[in-house]
Amino acid sequence: MKVRVAINGFGAITPLGNDAQNTCAAVKTATPALMHNQIQCNGIPCRIDDEVKDFDPLRVMTLKGAQRTDPFIQYAPAASLIGH
């Protein structure tokens, strides 16, 4: 059995942009992305290097689906669907 795969593009949900085009444009212009936010997590100090900004999960899933999933889970379908 032969398996054929066609790759017709790629997606990206990053702190630089919410699609591949904006991310690539930000990389080309050397746009800084890392903010090094210091937050408290239940009294335990932790550091978040950066976060995805202006992400709307409702572009790729229902409200019910968005309420039931963490943001990092929402990025996968968004990266595969947005910009294609």
N, C-alpha and C. Protein backbone atom coordinates (compact mmCIF):
# COMPACT_ATOMS: atom_id res chain seq x y z
N MET A 1 0.84 -1.17 0.00
CA MET A 1 0.00 0.00 0.00
C MET A 1 0.89 1.24 0.00
N LYS A 2 0.58 2.18 -0.87
CA LYS A 2 1.30 3.43 -0.93
C LYS A 2 0.51 4.51 -0.22
N VAL A 3 1.22 5.32 0.50
CA VAL A 3 0.60 6.45 1.17
C VAL A 3 1.15 7.71 0.53
N ARG A 4 0.27 8.56 0.10
CA ARG A 4 0.69 9.82 -0.53
C ARG A 4 0.26 10.97 0.37
N VAL A 5 1.17 11.90 0.52
CA VAL A 5 0.90 13.05 1.37
C VAL A 5 1.18 14.31 0.56
N ALA A 6 0.26 15.24 0.64
CA ALA A 6 0.45 16.53 -0.02
C ALA A 6 0.48 17.61 1.04
N ILE A 7 1.52 18.40 1.04
CA ILE A 7 1.63 19.52 1.96
C ILE A 7 1.45 20.78 1.12
N ASN A 8 0.41 21.53 1.44
CA ASN A 8 0.12 22.71 0.62
C ASN A 8 0.34 24.02 1.38
N GLY A 9 1.04 23.97 2.45
CA GLY A 9 1.30 25.19 3.21
C GLY A 9 1.56 24.86 4.67
N PHE A 10 1.71 25.89 5.46
CA PHE A 10 1.89 25.67 6.89
C PHE A 10 1.20 26.80 7.64
N GLY A 11 0.90 26.53 8.88
CA GLY A 11 0.27 27.53 9.72
C GLY A 11 1.14 27.80 10.93
N ALA A 12 0.90 28.92 11.55
CA ALA A 12 1.66 29.28 12.74
C ALA A 12 0.82 30.20 13.62
N ILE A 13 0.77 29.86 14.89
CA ILE A 13 0.17 30.72 15.89
C ILE A 13 1.30 31.00 16.87
N THR A 14 1.85 32.20 16.83
CA THR A 14 3.03 32.53 17.63
C THR A 14 2.86 33.91 18.27
N PRO A 15 3.74 34.25 19.20
CA PRO A 15 3.71 35.61 19.75
C PRO A 15 4.00 36.68 18.69
N LEU A 16 4.58 36.29 17.56
CA LEU A 16 4.87 37.24 16.49
C LEU A 16 3.67 37.50 15.59
N GLY A 17 2.72 36.58 15.56
CA GLY A 17 1.55 36.75 14.70
C GLY A 17 0.63 35.56 14.79
N ASN A 18 -0.63 35.76 14.44
CA ASN A 18 -1.61 34.69 14.52
C ASN A 18 -1.84 33.95 13.21
N ASP A 19 -0.91 34.11 12.29
CA ASP A 19 -0.91 33.32 11.06
C ASP A 19 0.50 33.28 10.51
N ALA A 20 0.72 32.44 9.54
CA ALA A 20 2.07 32.25 9.00
C ALA A 20 2.60 33.51 8.33
N GLN A 21 1.75 34.24 7.62
CA GLN A 21 2.20 35.43 6.91
C GLN A 21 2.71 36.50 7.87
N ASN A 22 1.95 36.79 8.92
CA ASN A 22 2.37 37.81 9.89
C ASN A 22 3.60 37.36 10.67
N THR A 23 3.68 36.08 11.00
CA THR A 23 4.84 35.57 11.71
C THR A 23 6.09 35.71 10.85
N CYS A 24 6.01 35.32 9.58
CA CYS A 24 7.17 35.44 8.69
C CYS A 24 7.57 36.90 8.49
N ALA A 25 6.59 37.78 8.35
CA ALA A 25 6.89 39.20 8.18
C ALA A 25 7.59 39.76 9.42
N ALA A 26 7.17 39.34 10.61
CA ALA A 26 7.80 39.81 11.85
C ALA A 26 9.22 39.27 11.98
N VAL A 27 9.44 38.03 11.55
CA VAL A 27 10.79 37.46 11.60
C VAL A 27 11.70 38.23 10.64
N LYS A 28 11.21 38.54 9.45
CA LYS A 28 12.02 39.25 8.47
C LYS A 28 12.41 40.65 8.93
N THR A 29 11.53 41.29 9.71
CA THR A 29 11.83 42.64 10.19
C THR A 29 12.45 42.63 11.58
N ALA A 30 12.77 41.45 12.09
CA ALA A 30 13.38 41.29 13.41
C ALA A 30 12.55 41.93 14.52
N THR A 31 11.25 41.76 14.44
CA THR A 31 10.35 42.29 15.47
C THR A 31 10.55 41.52 16.77
N PRO A 32 10.82 42.21 17.87
CA PRO A 32 10.99 41.49 19.14
C PRO A 32 9.64 40.96 19.64
N ALA A 33 9.67 39.78 20.21
CA ALA A 33 8.43 39.16 20.68
C ALA A 33 8.46 38.87 22.16
N LEU A 34 9.60 38.58 22.71
CA LEU A 34 9.65 38.13 24.10
C LEU A 34 9.48 39.29 25.07
N MET A 35 8.57 39.10 26.01
CA MET A 35 8.27 40.13 26.98
C MET A 35 8.80 39.78 28.38
N HIS A 36 9.04 38.51 28.65
CA HIS A 36 9.51 38.03 29.96
C HIS A 36 8.60 38.54 31.09
N ASN A 37 7.35 38.13 31.04
CA ASN A 37 6.38 38.53 32.06
C ASN A 37 6.60 37.73 33.34
N GLN A 38 6.65 38.40 34.44
CA GLN A 38 6.74 37.75 35.74
C GLN A 38 5.34 37.71 36.35
N ILE A 39 4.87 36.52 36.66
CA ILE A 39 3.56 36.39 37.27
C ILE A 39 3.67 35.48 38.49
N GLN A 40 2.65 35.49 39.30
CA GLN A 40 2.59 34.60 40.45
C GLN A 40 1.60 33.48 40.15
N CYS A 41 2.01 32.26 40.35
CA CYS A 41 1.16 31.09 40.14
C CYS A 41 0.91 30.45 41.50
N ASN A 42 -0.15 30.87 42.16
CA ASN A 42 -0.49 30.33 43.48
C ASN A 42 0.68 30.43 44.45
N GLY A 43 1.34 31.57 44.45
CA GLY A 43 2.44 31.78 45.38
C GLY A 43 3.78 31.24 44.90
N ILE A 44 3.80 30.55 43.77
CA ILE A 44 5.04 30.02 43.22
C ILE A 44 5.49 30.94 42.09
N PRO A 45 6.67 31.53 42.20
CA PRO A 45 7.10 32.42 41.12
C PRO A 45 7.37 31.62 39.84
N CYS A 46 6.93 32.17 38.73
CA CYS A 46 7.17 31.53 37.44
C CYS A 46 7.35 32.61 36.39
N ARG A 47 7.89 32.23 35.25
CA ARG A 47 8.15 33.18 34.18
C ARG A 47 7.52 32.69 32.89
N ILE A 48 6.80 33.57 32.23
CA ILE A 48 6.25 33.27 30.91
C ILE A 48 7.01 34.12 29.92
N ASP A 49 7.66 33.49 28.96
CA ASP A 49 8.46 34.25 28.01
C ASP A 49 7.60 35.15 27.14
N ASP A 50 6.52 34.65 26.63
CA ASP A 50 5.60 35.48 25.87
C ASP A 50 4.31 34.72 25.66
N GLU A 51 3.33 35.41 25.18
CA GLU A 51 2.02 34.82 24.96
C GLU A 51 1.50 35.23 23.59
N VAL A 52 0.57 34.44 23.09
CA VAL A 52 -0.08 34.76 21.82
C VAL A 52 -1.07 35.88 22.09
N LYS A 53 -1.00 36.93 21.30
CA LYS A 53 -1.85 38.09 21.50
C LYS A 53 -2.98 38.12 20.48
N ASP A 54 -4.11 38.66 20.87
CA ASP A 54 -5.27 38.86 19.98
C ASP A 54 -5.74 37.59 19.29
N PHE A 55 -5.65 36.46 19.98
CA PHE A 55 -6.09 35.19 19.41
C PHE A 55 -7.58 35.01 19.70
N ASP A 56 -8.36 34.71 18.68
CA ASP A 56 -9.79 34.47 18.82
C ASP A 56 -10.10 33.03 18.43
N PRO A 57 -10.31 32.15 19.41
CA PRO A 57 -10.57 30.74 19.08
C PRO A 57 -11.89 30.54 18.34
N LEU A 58 -12.80 31.52 18.42
CA LEU A 58 -14.09 31.37 17.75
C LEU A 58 -13.97 31.43 16.23
N ARG A 59 -12.79 31.79 15.73
CA ARG A 59 -12.57 31.75 14.28
C ARG A 59 -12.49 30.32 13.76
N VAL A 60 -12.16 29.37 14.66
CA VAL A 60 -11.96 27.99 14.21
C VAL A 60 -12.77 26.96 14.98
N MET A 61 -13.48 27.38 16.03
CA MET A 61 -14.26 26.41 16.80
C MET A 61 -15.47 27.11 17.42
N THR A 62 -16.37 26.30 17.92
CA THR A 62 -17.57 26.84 18.55
C THR A 62 -17.25 27.40 19.93
N LEU A 63 -18.16 28.18 20.46
CA LEU A 63 -17.99 28.74 21.80
C LEU A 63 -17.88 27.62 22.82
N LYS A 64 -18.70 26.60 22.68
CA LYS A 64 -18.67 25.46 23.60
C LYS A 64 -17.32 24.76 23.54
N GLY A 65 -16.79 24.57 22.35
CA GLY A 65 -15.47 23.94 22.20
C GLY A 65 -14.38 24.79 22.80
N ALA A 66 -14.46 26.11 22.62
CA ALA A 66 -13.46 27.02 23.17
C ALA A 66 -13.49 27.03 24.69
N GLN A 67 -14.68 26.93 25.28
CA GLN A 67 -14.80 26.93 26.73
C GLN A 67 -14.27 25.64 27.36
N ARG A 68 -14.26 24.57 26.59
CA ARG A 68 -13.83 23.27 27.12
C ARG A 68 -12.34 22.96 26.89
N THR A 69 -11.63 23.82 26.19
CA THR A 69 -10.23 23.53 25.88
C THR A 69 -9.32 24.66 26.35
N ASP A 70 -8.10 24.30 26.69
CA ASP A 70 -7.09 25.29 27.04
C ASP A 70 -6.60 25.98 25.77
N PRO A 71 -6.07 27.19 25.91
CA PRO A 71 -5.60 27.91 24.72
C PRO A 71 -4.57 27.14 23.90
N PHE A 72 -3.64 26.45 24.54
CA PHE A 72 -2.62 25.75 23.76
C PHE A 72 -3.22 24.65 22.90
N ILE A 73 -4.35 24.10 23.29
CA ILE A 73 -5.04 23.10 22.47
C ILE A 73 -5.73 23.78 21.29
N GLN A 74 -6.19 25.01 21.49
CA GLN A 74 -6.89 25.74 20.43
C GLN A 74 -5.95 26.17 19.32
N TYR A 75 -4.66 26.30 19.61
CA TYR A 75 -3.71 26.79 18.61
C TYR A 75 -3.53 25.80 17.46
N ALA A 76 -3.60 24.50 17.71
CA ALA A 76 -3.37 23.51 16.66
C ALA A 76 -4.40 23.62 15.52
N PRO A 77 -5.71 23.57 15.81
CA PRO A 77 -6.64 23.71 14.68
C PRO A 77 -6.56 25.09 14.04
N ALA A 78 -6.28 26.11 14.84
CA ALA A 78 -6.16 27.45 14.27
C ALA A 78 -5.00 27.54 13.30
N ALA A 79 -3.86 26.96 13.69
CA ALA A 79 -2.68 27.00 12.80
C ALA A 79 -2.95 26.24 11.50
N SER A 80 -3.74 25.18 11.58
CA SER A 80 -4.00 24.41 10.36
C SER A 80 -5.07 25.04 9.48
N LEU A 81 -5.91 25.91 10.02
CA LEU A 81 -7.02 26.46 9.25
C LEU A 81 -6.87 27.92 8.86
N ILE A 82 -6.29 28.74 9.72
CA ILE A 82 -6.22 30.18 9.46
C ILE A 82 -5.18 30.44 8.37
N GLY A 83 -5.57 31.24 7.43
CA GLY A 83 -4.64 31.65 6.37
C GLY A 83 -4.61 30.73 5.17
N HIS A 84 -5.48 29.76 5.13
CA HIS A 84 -5.51 28.85 3.97
C HIS A 84 -6.73 29.10 3.14
